[in-house]
Amino acid sequence: MKKILIIEDETIISFSYQLQLERMGFEVIGTARSSEEAEEHMRRDRPDLIIMDIYLKGPKTGLELAQEIHAKDPIPILFLTASTKADVIEAIRGLKDAHYLPKPINSDNLEDMLQRFARA
């Protein structure tokens, strides 16, 4: 079973993702609302997958945090974002082991993407 860390600054959205993931059989090892909370989780536990928003509370964006994470450990990251900006999408595509799904999230698309990560 894959261990997932959710990094999302909106508590209700984070909770919704957590419920969806647990219903799909994944283990959510934690949630973080900011880059600082995410870094704390990363020090304690190593997730198999990170689900993250682009825009976070705190000094770093999701893209900046992803770059820092990948510099230390190539943990796959799935961005769930409402952003349709071409530069944001290109930045995600430029990261190794990073993918994205546009918000609002379709449960079937999320499960398909997670199954791909689970097989990897």
PDB file of N, CA and C in Angstrom:
ATOM      1  N   MET A   1       0.847  -1.186   0.000  1.00  0.00           N
ATOM      2  CA  MET A   1       0.000   0.000   0.000  1.00  0.00           C
ATOM      3  C   MET A   1       0.885   1.240   0.000  1.00  0.00           C
ATOM      4  N   LYS A   2       0.538   2.196  -0.810  1.00  0.00           N
ATOM      5  CA  LYS A   2       1.314   3.422  -0.902  1.00  0.00           C
ATOM      6  C   LYS A   2       0.930   4.399   0.200  1.00  0.00           C
ATOM      7  N   LYS A   3       1.964   5.004   0.806  1.00  0.00           N
ATOM      8  CA  LYS A   3       1.756   6.024   1.840  1.00  0.00           C
ATOM      9  C   LYS A   3       1.747   7.393   1.160  1.00  0.00           C
ATOM     10  N   ILE A   4       0.703   8.171   1.450  1.00  0.00           N
ATOM     11  CA  ILE A   4       0.513   9.451   0.769  1.00  0.00           C
ATOM     12  C   ILE A   4       0.513  10.593   1.779  1.00  0.00           C
ATOM     13  N   LEU A   5       1.212  11.666   1.417  1.00  0.00           N
ATOM     14  CA  LEU A   5       1.182  12.919   2.158  1.00  0.00           C
ATOM     15  C   LEU A   5       0.394  13.915   1.314  1.00  0.00           C
ATOM     16  N   ILE A   6      -0.592  14.563   1.926  1.00  0.00           N
ATOM     17  CA  ILE A   6      -1.395  15.581   1.243  1.00  0.00           C
ATOM     18  C   ILE A   6      -0.907  16.957   1.690  1.00  0.00           C
ATOM     19  N   ILE A   7      -0.581  17.798   0.717  1.00  0.00           N
ATOM     20  CA  ILE A   7      -0.167  19.174   1.008  1.00  0.00           C
ATOM     21  C   ILE A   7      -1.164  20.089   0.303  1.00  0.00           C
ATOM     22  N   GLU A   8      -2.072  20.646   1.083  1.00  0.00           N
ATOM     23  CA  GLU A   8      -3.187  21.459   0.567  1.00  0.00           C
ATOM     24  C   GLU A   8      -3.547  22.476   1.630  1.00  0.00           C
ATOM     25  N   ASP A   9      -3.596  23.753   1.263  1.00  0.00           N
ATOM     26  CA  ASP A   9      -3.832  24.789   2.272  1.00  0.00           C
ATOM     27  C   ASP A   9      -5.297  24.955   2.670  1.00  0.00           C
ATOM     28  N   GLU A  10      -6.217  24.391   1.928  1.00  0.00           N
ATOM     29  CA  GLU A  10      -7.636  24.457   2.279  1.00  0.00           C
ATOM     30  C   GLU A  10      -8.018  23.189   3.038  1.00  0.00           C
ATOM     31  N   THR A  11      -8.321  23.333   4.319  1.00  0.00           N
ATOM     32  CA  THR A  11      -8.575  22.188   5.192  1.00  0.00           C
ATOM     33  C   THR A  11      -9.698  21.293   4.677  1.00  0.00           C
ATOM     34  N   ILE A  12     -10.800  21.868   4.238  1.00  0.00           N
ATOM     35  CA  ILE A  12     -11.935  21.066   3.788  1.00  0.00           C
ATOM     36  C   ILE A  12     -11.577  20.258   2.538  1.00  0.00           C
ATOM     37  N   ILE A  13     -10.789  20.844   1.662  1.00  0.00           N
ATOM     38  CA  ILE A  13     -10.356  20.128   0.456  1.00  0.00           C
ATOM     39  C   ILE A  13      -9.401  19.001   0.839  1.00  0.00           C
ATOM     40  N   SER A  14      -8.483  19.288   1.724  1.00  0.00           N
ATOM     41  CA  SER A  14      -7.538  18.282   2.202  1.00  0.00           C
ATOM     42  C   SER A  14      -8.276  17.102   2.824  1.00  0.00           C
ATOM     43  N   PHE A  15      -9.272  17.407   3.649  1.00  0.00           N
ATOM     44  CA  PHE A  15     -10.054  16.360   4.297  1.00  0.00           C
ATOM     45  C   PHE A  15     -10.813  15.530   3.266  1.00  0.00           C
ATOM     46  N   SER A  16     -11.358  16.189   2.256  1.00  0.00           N
ATOM     47  CA  SER A  16     -12.072  15.498   1.186  1.00  0.00           C
ATOM     48  C   SER A  16     -11.136  14.538   0.445  1.00  0.00           C
ATOM     49  N   TYR A  17      -9.928  14.999   0.121  1.00  0.00           N
ATOM     50  CA  TYR A  17      -8.947  14.127  -0.535  1.00  0.00           C
ATOM     51  C   TYR A  17      -8.613  12.936   0.349  1.00  0.00           C
ATOM     52  N   GLN A  18      -8.416  13.215   1.635  1.00  0.00           N
ATOM     53  CA  GLN A  18      -8.061  12.142   2.558  1.00  0.00           C
ATOM     54  C   GLN A  18      -9.143  11.060   2.573  1.00  0.00           C
ATOM     55  N   LEU A  19     -10.397  11.466   2.662  1.00  0.00           N
ATOM     56  CA  LEU A  19     -11.491  10.497   2.655  1.00  0.00           C
ATOM     57  C   LEU A  19     -11.528   9.693   1.359  1.00  0.00           C
ATOM     58  N   GLN A  20     -11.372  10.384   0.223  1.00  0.00           N
ATOM     59  CA  GLN A  20     -11.368   9.696  -1.072  1.00  0.00           C
ATOM     60  C   GLN A  20     -10.239   8.673  -1.141  1.00  0.00           C
ATOM     61  N   LEU A  21      -9.060   9.080  -0.733  1.00  0.00           N
ATOM     62  CA  LEU A  21      -7.888   8.203  -0.812  1.00  0.00           C
ATOM     63  C   LEU A  21      -8.046   6.984   0.090  1.00  0.00           C
ATOM     64  N   GLU A  22      -8.547   7.210   1.283  1.00  0.00           N
ATOM     65  CA  GLU A  22      -8.728   6.086   2.211  1.00  0.00           C
ATOM     66  C   GLU A  22      -9.792   5.120   1.693  1.00  0.00           C
ATOM     67  N   ARG A  23     -10.847   5.634   1.062  1.00  0.00           N
ATOM     68  CA  ARG A  23     -11.855   4.753   0.455  1.00  0.00           C
ATOM     69  C   ARG A  23     -11.269   3.926  -0.685  1.00  0.00           C
ATOM     70  N   MET A  24     -10.255   4.478  -1.348  1.00  0.00           N
ATOM     71  CA  MET A  24      -9.591   3.765  -2.439  1.00  0.00           C
ATOM     72  C   MET A  24      -8.556   2.770  -1.938  1.00  0.00           C
ATOM     73  N   GLY A  25      -8.311   2.770  -0.616  1.00  0.00           N
ATOM     74  CA  GLY A  25      -7.377   1.813  -0.046  1.00  0.00           C
ATOM     75  C   GLY A  25      -5.969   2.331   0.173  1.00  0.00           C
ATOM     76  N   PHE A  26      -5.769   3.639   0.030  1.00  0.00           N
ATOM     77  CA  PHE A  26      -4.450   4.227   0.257  1.00  0.00           C
ATOM     78  C   PHE A  26      -4.328   4.693   1.700  1.00  0.00           C
ATOM     79  N   GLU A  27      -3.120   4.742   2.192  1.00  0.00           N
ATOM     80  CA  GLU A  27      -2.839   5.205   3.549  1.00  0.00           C
ATOM     81  C   GLU A  27      -2.366   6.653   3.494  1.00  0.00           C
ATOM     82  N   VAL A  28      -3.108   7.554   4.128  1.00  0.00           N
ATOM     83  CA  VAL A  28      -2.705   8.957   4.217  1.00  0.00           C
ATOM     84  C   VAL A  28      -1.915   9.098   5.513  1.00  0.00           C
ATOM     85  N   ILE A  29      -0.616   9.397   5.370  1.00  0.00           N
ATOM     86  CA  ILE A  29       0.247   9.476   6.552  1.00  0.00           C
ATOM     87  C   ILE A  29       0.251  10.860   7.184  1.00  0.00           C
ATOM     88  N   GLY A  30      -0.364  11.828   6.507  1.00  0.00           N
ATOM     89  CA  GLY A  30      -0.434  13.162   7.080  1.00  0.00           C
ATOM     90  C   GLY A  30      -0.962  14.166   6.086  1.00  0.00           C
ATOM     91  N   THR A  31      -1.318  15.328   6.634  1.00  0.00           N
ATOM     92  CA  THR A  31      -1.732  16.453   5.809  1.00  0.00           C
ATOM     93  C   THR A  31      -0.967  17.683   6.282  1.00  0.00           C
ATOM     94  N   ALA A  32      -0.694  18.567   5.348  1.00  0.00           N
ATOM     95  CA  ALA A  32       0.018  19.802   5.663  1.00  0.00           C
ATOM     96  C   ALA A  32      -0.661  20.950   4.928  1.00  0.00           C
ATOM     97  N   ARG A  33      -0.729  22.107   5.594  1.00  0.00           N
ATOM     98  CA  ARG A  33      -1.347  23.288   4.988  1.00  0.00           C
ATOM     99  C   ARG A  33      -0.326  24.269   4.436  1.00  0.00           C
ATOM    100  N   SER A  34       0.934  24.084   4.788  1.00  0.00           N
ATOM    101  CA  SER A  34       1.968  25.032   4.361  1.00  0.00           C
ATOM    102  C   SER A  34       3.240  24.274   4.023  1.00  0.00           C
ATOM    103  N   SER A  35       4.159  24.981   3.413  1.00  0.00           N
ATOM    104  CA  SER A  35       5.443  24.351   3.081  1.00  0.00           C
ATOM    105  C   SER A  35       6.191  23.963   4.353  1.00  0.00           C
ATOM    106  N   GLU A  36       6.045  24.775   5.407  1.00  0.00           N
ATOM    107  CA  GLU A  36       6.725  24.454   6.668  1.00  0.00           C
ATOM    108  C   GLU A  36       6.177  23.163   7.275  1.00  0.00           C
ATOM    109  N   GLU A  37       4.855  23.017   7.294  1.00  0.00           N
ATOM    110  CA  GLU A  37       4.251  21.779   7.813  1.00  0.00           C
ATOM    111  C   GLU A  37       4.663  20.588   6.959  1.00  0.00           C
ATOM    112  N   ALA A  38       4.720  20.776   5.664  1.00  0.00           N
ATOM    113  CA  ALA A  38       5.122  19.694   4.760  1.00  0.00           C
ATOM    114  C   ALA A  38       6.553  19.259   5.053  1.00  0.00           C
ATOM    115  N   GLU A  39       7.435  20.218   5.254  1.00  0.00           N
ATOM    116  CA  GLU A  39       8.831  19.892   5.552  1.00  0.00           C
ATOM    117  C   GLU A  39       8.937  19.121   6.864  1.00  0.00           C
ATOM    118  N   GLU A  40       8.107  19.474   7.846  1.00  0.00           N
ATOM    119  CA  GLU A  40       8.085  18.749   9.121  1.00  0.00           C
ATOM    120  C   GLU A  40       7.651  17.300   8.903  1.00  0.00           C
ATOM    121  N   HIS A  41       6.622  17.096   8.122  1.00  0.00           N
ATOM    122  CA  HIS A  41       6.178  15.729   7.809  1.00  0.00           C
ATOM    123  C   HIS A  41       7.276  14.943   7.092  1.00  0.00           C
ATOM    124  N   MET A  42       7.962  15.607   6.190  1.00  0.00           N
ATOM    125  CA  MET A  42       9.017  14.940   5.417  1.00  0.00           C
ATOM    126  C   MET A  42      10.158  14.499   6.324  1.00  0.00           C
ATOM    127  N   ARG A  43      10.421  15.256   7.375  1.00  0.00           N
ATOM    128  CA  ARG A  43      11.479  14.867   8.315  1.00  0.00           C
ATOM    129  C   ARG A  43      11.078  13.624   9.118  1.00  0.00           C
ATOM    130  N   ARG A  44       9.786  13.504   9.435  1.00  0.00           N
ATOM    131  CA  ARG A  44       9.296  12.383  10.248  1.00  0.00           C
ATOM    132  C   ARG A  44       9.046  11.122   9.436  1.00  0.00           C
ATOM    133  N   ASP A  45       8.407  11.269   8.293  1.00  0.00           N
ATOM    134  CA  ASP A  45       7.978  10.122   7.494  1.00  0.00           C
ATOM    135  C   ASP A  45       8.362  10.338   6.041  1.00  0.00           C
ATOM    136  N   ARG A  46       8.671   9.251   5.389  1.00  0.00           N
ATOM    137  CA  ARG A  46       8.922   9.345   3.953  1.00  0.00           C
ATOM    138  C   ARG A  46       7.709   8.796   3.217  1.00  0.00           C
ATOM    139  N   PRO A  47       6.937   9.676   2.587  1.00  0.00           N
ATOM    140  CA  PRO A  47       5.788   9.184   1.833  1.00  0.00           C
ATOM    141  C   PRO A  47       6.245   8.523   0.532  1.00  0.00           C
ATOM    142  N   ASP A  48       5.383   7.681  -0.015  1.00  0.00           N
ATOM    143  CA  ASP A  48       5.638   7.078  -1.325  1.00  0.00           C
ATOM    144  C   ASP A  48       5.148   7.995  -2.438  1.00  0.00           C
ATOM    145  N   LEU A  49       4.229   8.886  -2.077  1.00  0.00           N
ATOM    146  CA  LEU A  49       3.630   9.803  -3.034  1.00  0.00           C
ATOM    147  C   LEU A  49       3.178  11.050  -2.288  1.00  0.00           C
ATOM    148  N   ILE A  50       3.310  12.196  -2.946  1.00  0.00           N
ATOM    149  CA  ILE A  50       2.823  13.458  -2.392  1.00  0.00           C
ATOM    150  C   ILE A  50       1.743  13.991  -3.316  1.00  0.00           C
ATOM    151  N   ILE A  51       0.621  14.364  -2.733  1.00  0.00           N
ATOM    152  CA  ILE A  51      -0.431  15.063  -3.476  1.00  0.00           C
ATOM    153  C   ILE A  51      -0.398  16.497  -2.985  1.00  0.00           C
ATOM    154  N   MET A  52      -0.247  17.439  -3.933  1.00  0.00           N
ATOM    155  CA  MET A  52       0.020  18.817  -3.525  1.00  0.00           C
ATOM    156  C   MET A  52      -0.692  19.822  -4.425  1.00  0.00           C
ATOM    157  N   ASP A  53      -1.071  20.930  -3.821  1.00  0.00           N
ATOM    158  CA  ASP A  53      -1.604  22.074  -4.547  1.00  0.00           C
ATOM    159  C   ASP A  53      -0.421  22.947  -4.982  1.00  0.00           C
ATOM    160  N   ILE A  54      -0.628  23.754  -5.986  1.00  0.00           N
ATOM    161  CA  ILE A  54       0.410  24.684  -6.449  1.00  0.00           C
ATOM    162  C   ILE A  54       0.576  25.841  -5.468  1.00  0.00           C
ATOM    163  N   TYR A  55      -0.551  26.331  -4.968  1.00  0.00           N
ATOM    164  CA  TYR A  55      -0.524  27.505  -4.103  1.00  0.00           C
ATOM    165  C   TYR A  55      -0.709  27.067  -2.657  1.00  0.00           C
ATOM    166  N   LEU A  56       0.262  27.393  -1.815  1.00  0.00           N
ATOM    167  CA  LEU A  56       0.270  26.989  -0.415  1.00  0.00           C
ATOM    168  C   LEU A  56       0.415  28.210   0.480  1.00  0.00           C
ATOM    169  N   LYS A  57       0.057  28.049   1.730  1.00  0.00           N
ATOM    170  CA  LYS A  57       0.344  29.093   2.712  1.00  0.00           C
ATOM    171  C   LYS A  57       1.817  28.991   3.078  1.00  0.00           C
ATOM    172  N   GLY A  58       2.414  30.102   3.356  1.00  0.00           N
ATOM    173  CA  GLY A  58       3.825  30.088   3.719  1.00  0.00           C
ATOM    174  C   GLY A  58       4.684  30.688   2.635  1.00  0.00           C
ATOM    175  N   PRO A  59       5.977  30.637   2.854  1.00  0.00           N
ATOM    176  CA  PRO A  59       6.894  31.344   1.961  1.00  0.00           C
ATOM    177  C   PRO A  59       7.136  30.661   0.614  1.00  0.00           C
ATOM    178  N   LYS A  60       6.744  29.398   0.462  1.00  0.00           N
ATOM    179  CA  LYS A  60       7.057  28.671  -0.773  1.00  0.00           C
ATOM    180  C   LYS A  60       5.791  28.234  -1.490  1.00  0.00           C
ATOM    181  N   THR A  61       5.876  28.219  -2.803  1.00  0.00           N
ATOM    182  CA  THR A  61       4.789  27.653  -3.596  1.00  0.00           C
ATOM    183  C   THR A  61       4.977  26.135  -3.651  1.00  0.00           C
ATOM    184  N   GLY A  62       3.960  25.450  -4.140  1.00  0.00           N
ATOM    185  CA  GLY A  62       4.079  24.013  -4.320  1.00  0.00           C
ATOM    186  C   GLY A  62       5.197  23.645  -5.281  1.00  0.00           C
ATOM    187  N   LEU A  63       5.387  24.456  -6.313  1.00  0.00           N
ATOM    188  CA  LEU A  63       6.467  24.183  -7.270  1.00  0.00           C
ATOM    189  C   LEU A  63       7.838  24.308  -6.612  1.00  0.00           C
ATOM    190  N   GLU A  64       8.023  25.345  -5.812  1.00  0.00           N
ATOM    191  CA  GLU A  64       9.311  25.519  -5.116  1.00  0.00           C
ATOM    192  C   GLU A  64       9.553  24.372  -4.144  1.00  0.00           C
ATOM    193  N   LEU A  65       8.508  23.989  -3.413  1.00  0.00           N
ATOM    194  CA  LEU A  65       8.641  22.883  -2.474  1.00  0.00           C
ATOM    195  C   LEU A  65       8.953  21.574  -3.209  1.00  0.00           C
ATOM    196  N   ALA A  66       8.300  21.353  -4.328  1.00  0.00           N
ATOM    197  CA  ALA A  66       8.561  20.142  -5.118  1.00  0.00           C
ATOM    198  C   ALA A  66      10.015  20.081  -5.580  1.00  0.00           C
ATOM    199  N   GLN A  67      10.541  21.206  -6.024  1.00  0.00           N
ATOM    200  CA  GLN A  67      11.940  21.239  -6.456  1.00  0.00           C
ATOM    201  C   GLN A  67      12.876  20.900  -5.304  1.00  0.00           C
ATOM    202  N   GLU A  68      12.591  21.425  -4.116  1.00  0.00           N
ATOM    203  CA  GLU A  68      13.418  21.117  -2.944  1.00  0.00           C
ATOM    204  C   GLU A  68      13.305  19.645  -2.556  1.00  0.00           C
ATOM    205  N   ILE A  69      12.097  19.120  -2.595  1.00  0.00           N
ATOM    206  CA  ILE A  69      11.895  17.706  -2.264  1.00  0.00           C
ATOM    207  C   ILE A  69      12.665  16.828  -3.236  1.00  0.00           C
ATOM    208  N   HIS A  70      12.535  17.112  -4.520  1.00  0.00           N
ATOM    209  CA  HIS A  70      13.208  16.290  -5.536  1.00  0.00           C
ATOM    210  C   HIS A  70      14.724  16.415  -5.484  1.00  0.00           C
ATOM    211  N   ALA A  71      15.224  17.518  -4.977  1.00  0.00           N
ATOM    212  CA  ALA A  71      16.679  17.658  -4.837  1.00  0.00           C
ATOM    213  C   ALA A  71      17.217  16.689  -3.782  1.00  0.00           C
ATOM    214  N   LYS A  72      16.364  16.312  -2.812  1.00  0.00           N
ATOM    215  CA  LYS A  72      16.774  15.407  -1.738  1.00  0.00           C
ATOM    216  C   LYS A  72      16.336  13.970  -1.989  1.00  0.00           C
ATOM    217  N   ASP A  73      15.156  13.791  -2.597  1.00  0.00           N
ATOM    218  CA  ASP A  73      14.556  12.474  -2.710  1.00  0.00           C
ATOM    219  C   ASP A  73      13.553  12.490  -3.872  1.00  0.00           C
ATOM    220  N   PRO A  74      13.669  11.582  -4.805  1.00  0.00           N
ATOM    221  CA  PRO A  74      12.769  11.600  -5.967  1.00  0.00           C
ATOM    222  C   PRO A  74      11.384  11.005  -5.671  1.00  0.00           C
ATOM    223  N   ILE A  75      10.669  11.600  -4.755  1.00  0.00           N
ATOM    224  CA  ILE A  75       9.324  11.144  -4.413  1.00  0.00           C
ATOM    225  C   ILE A  75       8.365  11.654  -5.495  1.00  0.00           C
ATOM    226  N   PRO A  76       7.542  10.787  -6.062  1.00  0.00           N
ATOM    227  CA  PRO A  76       6.568  11.254  -7.057  1.00  0.00           C
ATOM    228  C   PRO A  76       5.591  12.250  -6.444  1.00  0.00           C
ATOM    229  N   ILE A  77       5.222  13.237  -7.246  1.00  0.00           N
ATOM    230  CA  ILE A  77       4.305  14.283  -6.794  1.00  0.00           C
ATOM    231  C   ILE A  77       3.177  14.404  -7.800  1.00  0.00           C
ATOM    232  N   LEU A  78       1.960  14.408  -7.276  1.00  0.00           N
ATOM    233  CA  LEU A  78       0.778  14.644  -8.092  1.00  0.00           C
ATOM    234  C   LEU A  78       0.199  15.988  -7.665  1.00  0.00           C
ATOM    235  N   PHE A  79       0.241  16.949  -8.574  1.00  0.00           N
ATOM    236  CA  PHE A  79      -0.344  18.254  -8.314  1.00  0.00           C
ATOM    237  C   PHE A  79      -1.818  18.212  -8.682  1.00  0.00           C
ATOM    238  N   LEU A  80      -2.664  18.646  -7.775  1.00  0.00           N
ATOM    239  CA  LEU A  80      -4.086  18.836  -8.040  1.00  0.00           C
ATOM    240  C   LEU A  80      -4.292  20.338  -8.014  1.00  0.00           C
ATOM    241  N   THR A  81      -4.585  20.927  -9.165  1.00  0.00           N
ATOM    242  CA  THR A  81      -4.589  22.380  -9.243  1.00  0.00           C
ATOM    243  C   THR A  81      -5.710  22.915 -10.113  1.00  0.00           C
ATOM    244  N   ALA A  82      -6.199  24.080  -9.750  1.00  0.00           N
ATOM    245  CA  ALA A  82      -7.194  24.784 -10.549  1.00  0.00           C
ATOM    246  C   ALA A  82      -6.509  25.711 -11.549  1.00  0.00           C
ATOM    247  N   SER A  83      -5.207  25.829 -11.453  1.00  0.00           N
ATOM    248  CA  SER A  83      -4.476  26.734 -12.335  1.00  0.00           C
ATOM    249  C   SER A  83      -4.474  26.191 -13.765  1.00  0.00           C
ATOM    250  N   THR A  84      -4.768  27.090 -14.690  1.00  0.00           N
ATOM    251  CA  THR A  84      -4.703  26.731 -16.110  1.00  0.00           C
ATOM    252  C   THR A  84      -3.623  27.555 -16.819  1.00  0.00           C
ATOM    253  N   LYS A  85      -2.808  28.243 -16.032  1.00  0.00           N
ATOM    254  CA  LYS A  85      -1.748  29.069 -16.607  1.00  0.00           C
ATOM    255  C   LYS A  85      -0.725  28.179 -17.302  1.00  0.00           C
ATOM    256  N   ALA A  86      -0.391  28.534 -18.521  1.00  0.00           N
ATOM    257  CA  ALA A  86       0.538  27.730 -19.309  1.00  0.00           C
ATOM    258  C   ALA A  86       1.900  27.597 -18.631  1.00  0.00           C
ATOM    259  N   ASP A  87       2.374  28.675 -18.005  1.00  0.00           N
ATOM    260  CA  ASP A  87       3.686  28.604 -17.361  1.00  0.00           C
ATOM    261  C   ASP A  87       3.678  27.654 -16.166  1.00  0.00           C
ATOM    262  N   VAL A  88       2.560  27.574 -15.449  1.00  0.00           N
ATOM    263  CA  VAL A  88       2.459  26.658 -14.309  1.00  0.00           C
ATOM    264  C   VAL A  88       2.447  25.213 -14.799  1.00  0.00           C
ATOM    265  N   ILE A  89       1.652  24.943 -15.820  1.00  0.00           N
ATOM    266  CA  ILE A  89       1.573  23.584 -16.368  1.00  0.00           C
ATOM    267  C   ILE A  89       2.925  23.159 -16.930  1.00  0.00           C
ATOM    268  N   GLU A  90       3.599  24.042 -17.620  1.00  0.00           N
ATOM    269  CA  GLU A  90       4.931  23.732 -18.156  1.00  0.00           C
ATOM    270  C   GLU A  90       5.934  23.483 -17.033  1.00  0.00           C
ATOM    271  N   ALA A  91       5.840  24.255 -15.962  1.00  0.00           N
ATOM    272  CA  ALA A  91       6.747  24.052 -14.822  1.00  0.00           C
ATOM    273  C   ALA A  91       6.527  22.667 -14.204  1.00  0.00           C
ATOM    274  N   ILE A  92       5.281  22.254 -14.096  1.00  0.00           N
ATOM    275  CA  ILE A  92       4.994  20.914 -13.568  1.00  0.00           C
ATOM    276  C   ILE A  92       5.568  19.863 -14.505  1.00  0.00           C
ATOM    277  N   ARG A  93       5.342  20.028 -15.773  1.00  0.00           N
ATOM    278  CA  ARG A  93       5.863  19.059 -16.761  1.00  0.00           C
ATOM    279  C   ARG A  93       7.392  19.005 -16.753  1.00  0.00           C
ATOM    280  N   GLY A  94       8.014  20.094 -16.349  1.00  0.00           N
ATOM    281  CA  GLY A  94       9.466  20.141 -16.302  1.00  0.00           C
ATOM    282  C   GLY A  94      10.067  19.429 -15.102  1.00  0.00           C
ATOM    283  N   LEU A  95       9.233  19.086 -14.128  1.00  0.00           N
ATOM    284  CA  LEU A  95       9.714  18.372 -12.945  1.00  0.00           C
ATOM    285  C   LEU A  95       9.722  16.872 -13.213  1.00  0.00           C
ATOM    286  N   LYS A  96      10.769  16.231 -12.795  1.00  0.00           N
ATOM    287  CA  LYS A  96      10.823  14.773 -12.917  1.00  0.00           C
ATOM    288  C   LYS A  96       9.885  14.169 -11.877  1.00  0.00           C
ATOM    289  N   ASP A  97       9.212  13.089 -12.245  1.00  0.00           N
ATOM    290  CA  ASP A  97       8.292  12.386 -11.331  1.00  0.00           C
ATOM    291  C   ASP A  97       7.177  13.274 -10.816  1.00  0.00           C
ATOM    292  N   ALA A  98       6.672  14.169 -11.656  1.00  0.00           N
ATOM    293  CA  ALA A  98       5.552  15.022 -11.268  1.00  0.00           C
ATOM    294  C   ALA A  98       4.488  14.986 -12.367  1.00  0.00           C
ATOM    295  N   HIS A  99       3.245  14.938 -11.947  1.00  0.00           N
ATOM    296  CA  HIS A  99       2.102  14.944 -12.847  1.00  0.00           C
ATOM    297  C   HIS A  99       1.061  15.873 -12.245  1.00  0.00           C
ATOM    298  N   TYR A 100       0.008  16.131 -13.018  1.00  0.00           N
ATOM    299  CA  TYR A 100      -1.043  16.981 -12.464  1.00  0.00           C
ATOM    300  C   TYR A 100      -2.403  16.547 -12.975  1.00  0.00           C
ATOM    301  N   LEU A 101      -3.404  16.858 -12.179  1.00  0.00           N
ATOM    302  CA  LEU A 101      -4.806  16.722 -12.567  1.00  0.00           C
ATOM    303  C   LEU A 101      -5.466  18.062 -12.286  1.00  0.00           C
ATOM    304  N   PRO A 102      -6.304  18.521 -13.206  1.00  0.00           N
ATOM    305  CA  PRO A 102      -6.990  19.800 -12.977  1.00  0.00           C
ATOM    306  C   PRO A 102      -8.152  19.644 -12.001  1.00  0.00           C
ATOM    307  N   LYS A 103      -8.333  20.688 -11.169  1.00  0.00           N
ATOM    308  CA  LYS A 103      -9.502  20.753 -10.289  1.00  0.00           C
ATOM    309  C   LYS A 103     -10.664  21.303 -11.094  1.00  0.00           C
ATOM    310  N   PRO A 104     -11.889  20.917 -10.818  1.00  0.00           N
ATOM    311  CA  PRO A 104     -12.298  19.974  -9.783  1.00  0.00           C
ATOM    312  C   PRO A 104     -11.885  18.554 -10.171  1.00  0.00           C
ATOM    313  N   ILE A 105     -11.584  17.777  -9.149  1.00  0.00           N
ATOM    314  CA  ILE A 105     -11.042  16.442  -9.350  1.00  0.00           C
ATOM    315  C   ILE A 105     -12.165  15.443  -9.601  1.00  0.00           C
ATOM    316  N   ASN A 106     -12.008  14.667 -10.644  1.00  0.00           N
ATOM    317  CA  ASN A 106     -12.907  13.568 -10.945  1.00  0.00           C
ATOM    318  C   ASN A 106     -12.348  12.334 -10.233  1.00  0.00           C
ATOM    319  N   SER A 107     -13.140  11.684  -9.408  1.00  0.00           N
ATOM    320  CA  SER A 107     -12.660  10.540  -8.611  1.00  0.00           C
ATOM    321  C   SER A 107     -12.085   9.429  -9.475  1.00  0.00           C
ATOM    322  N   ASP A 108     -12.708   9.174 -10.619  1.00  0.00           N
ATOM    323  CA  ASP A 108     -12.202   8.110 -11.496  1.00  0.00           C
ATOM    324  C   ASP A 108     -10.825   8.459 -12.038  1.00  0.00           C
ATOM    325  N   ASN A 109     -10.645   9.727 -12.464  1.00  0.00           N
ATOM    326  CA  ASN A 109      -9.332  10.145 -12.969  1.00  0.00           C
ATOM    327  C   ASN A 109      -8.276  10.080 -11.875  1.00  0.00           C
ATOM    328  N   LEU A 110      -8.658  10.490 -10.662  1.00  0.00           N
ATOM    329  CA  LEU A 110      -7.725  10.430  -9.535  1.00  0.00           C
ATOM    330  C   LEU A 110      -7.327   8.992  -9.257  1.00  0.00           C
ATOM    331  N   GLU A 111      -8.289   8.103  -9.215  1.00  0.00           N
ATOM    332  CA  GLU A 111      -7.979   6.702  -8.929  1.00  0.00           C
ATOM    333  C   GLU A 111      -7.107   6.090 -10.025  1.00  0.00           C
ATOM    334  N   ASP A 112      -7.398   6.405 -11.296  1.00  0.00           N
ATOM    335  CA  ASP A 112      -6.564   5.904 -12.393  1.00  0.00           C
ATOM    336  C   ASP A 112      -5.120   6.374 -12.244  1.00  0.00           C
ATOM    337  N   MET A 113      -4.943   7.666 -11.932  1.00  0.00           N
ATOM    338  CA  MET A 113      -3.595   8.209 -11.771  1.00  0.00           C
ATOM    339  C   MET A 113      -2.883   7.553 -10.592  1.00  0.00           C
ATOM    340  N   LEU A 114      -3.590   7.373  -9.485  1.00  0.00           N
ATOM    341  CA  LEU A 114      -2.980   6.766  -8.307  1.00  0.00           C
ATOM    342  C   LEU A 114      -2.613   5.305  -8.546  1.00  0.00           C
ATOM    343  N   GLN A 115      -3.418   4.608  -9.317  1.00  0.00           N
ATOM    344  CA  GLN A 115      -3.086   3.213  -9.635  1.00  0.00           C
ATOM    345  C   GLN A 115      -1.805   3.149 -10.457  1.00  0.00           C
ATOM    346  N   ARG A 116      -1.604   4.126 -11.325  1.00  0.00           N
ATOM    347  CA  ARG A 116      -0.342   4.181 -12.099  1.00  0.00           C
ATOM    348  C   ARG A 116       0.851   4.359 -11.162  1.00  0.00           C
ATOM    349  N   PHE A 117       0.699   5.251 -10.180  1.00  0.00           N
ATOM    350  CA  PHE A 117       1.770   5.447  -9.205  1.00  0.00           C
ATOM    351  C   PHE A 117       1.985   4.182  -8.378  1.00  0.00           C
ATOM    352  N   ALA A 118       0.910   3.505  -8.006  1.00  0.00           N
ATOM    353  CA  ALA A 118       1.009   2.311  -7.177  1.00  0.00           C
ATOM    354  C   ALA A 118       1.764   1.185  -7.894  1.00  0.00           C
ATOM    355  N   ARG A 119       1.603   1.131  -9.216  1.00  0.00           N
ATOM    356  CA  ARG A 119       2.297   0.083  -9.982  1.00  0.00           C
ATOM    357  C   ARG A 119       3.768   0.413 -10.229  1.00  0.00           C
ATOM    358  N   ALA A 120       4.088   1.685 -10.123  1.00  0.00           N
ATOM    359  CA  ALA A 120       5.475   2.117 -10.419  1.00  0.00           C
ATOM    360  C   ALA A 120       6.439   1.676  -9.340  1.00  0.00           C
TER     361      ALA A 120
END
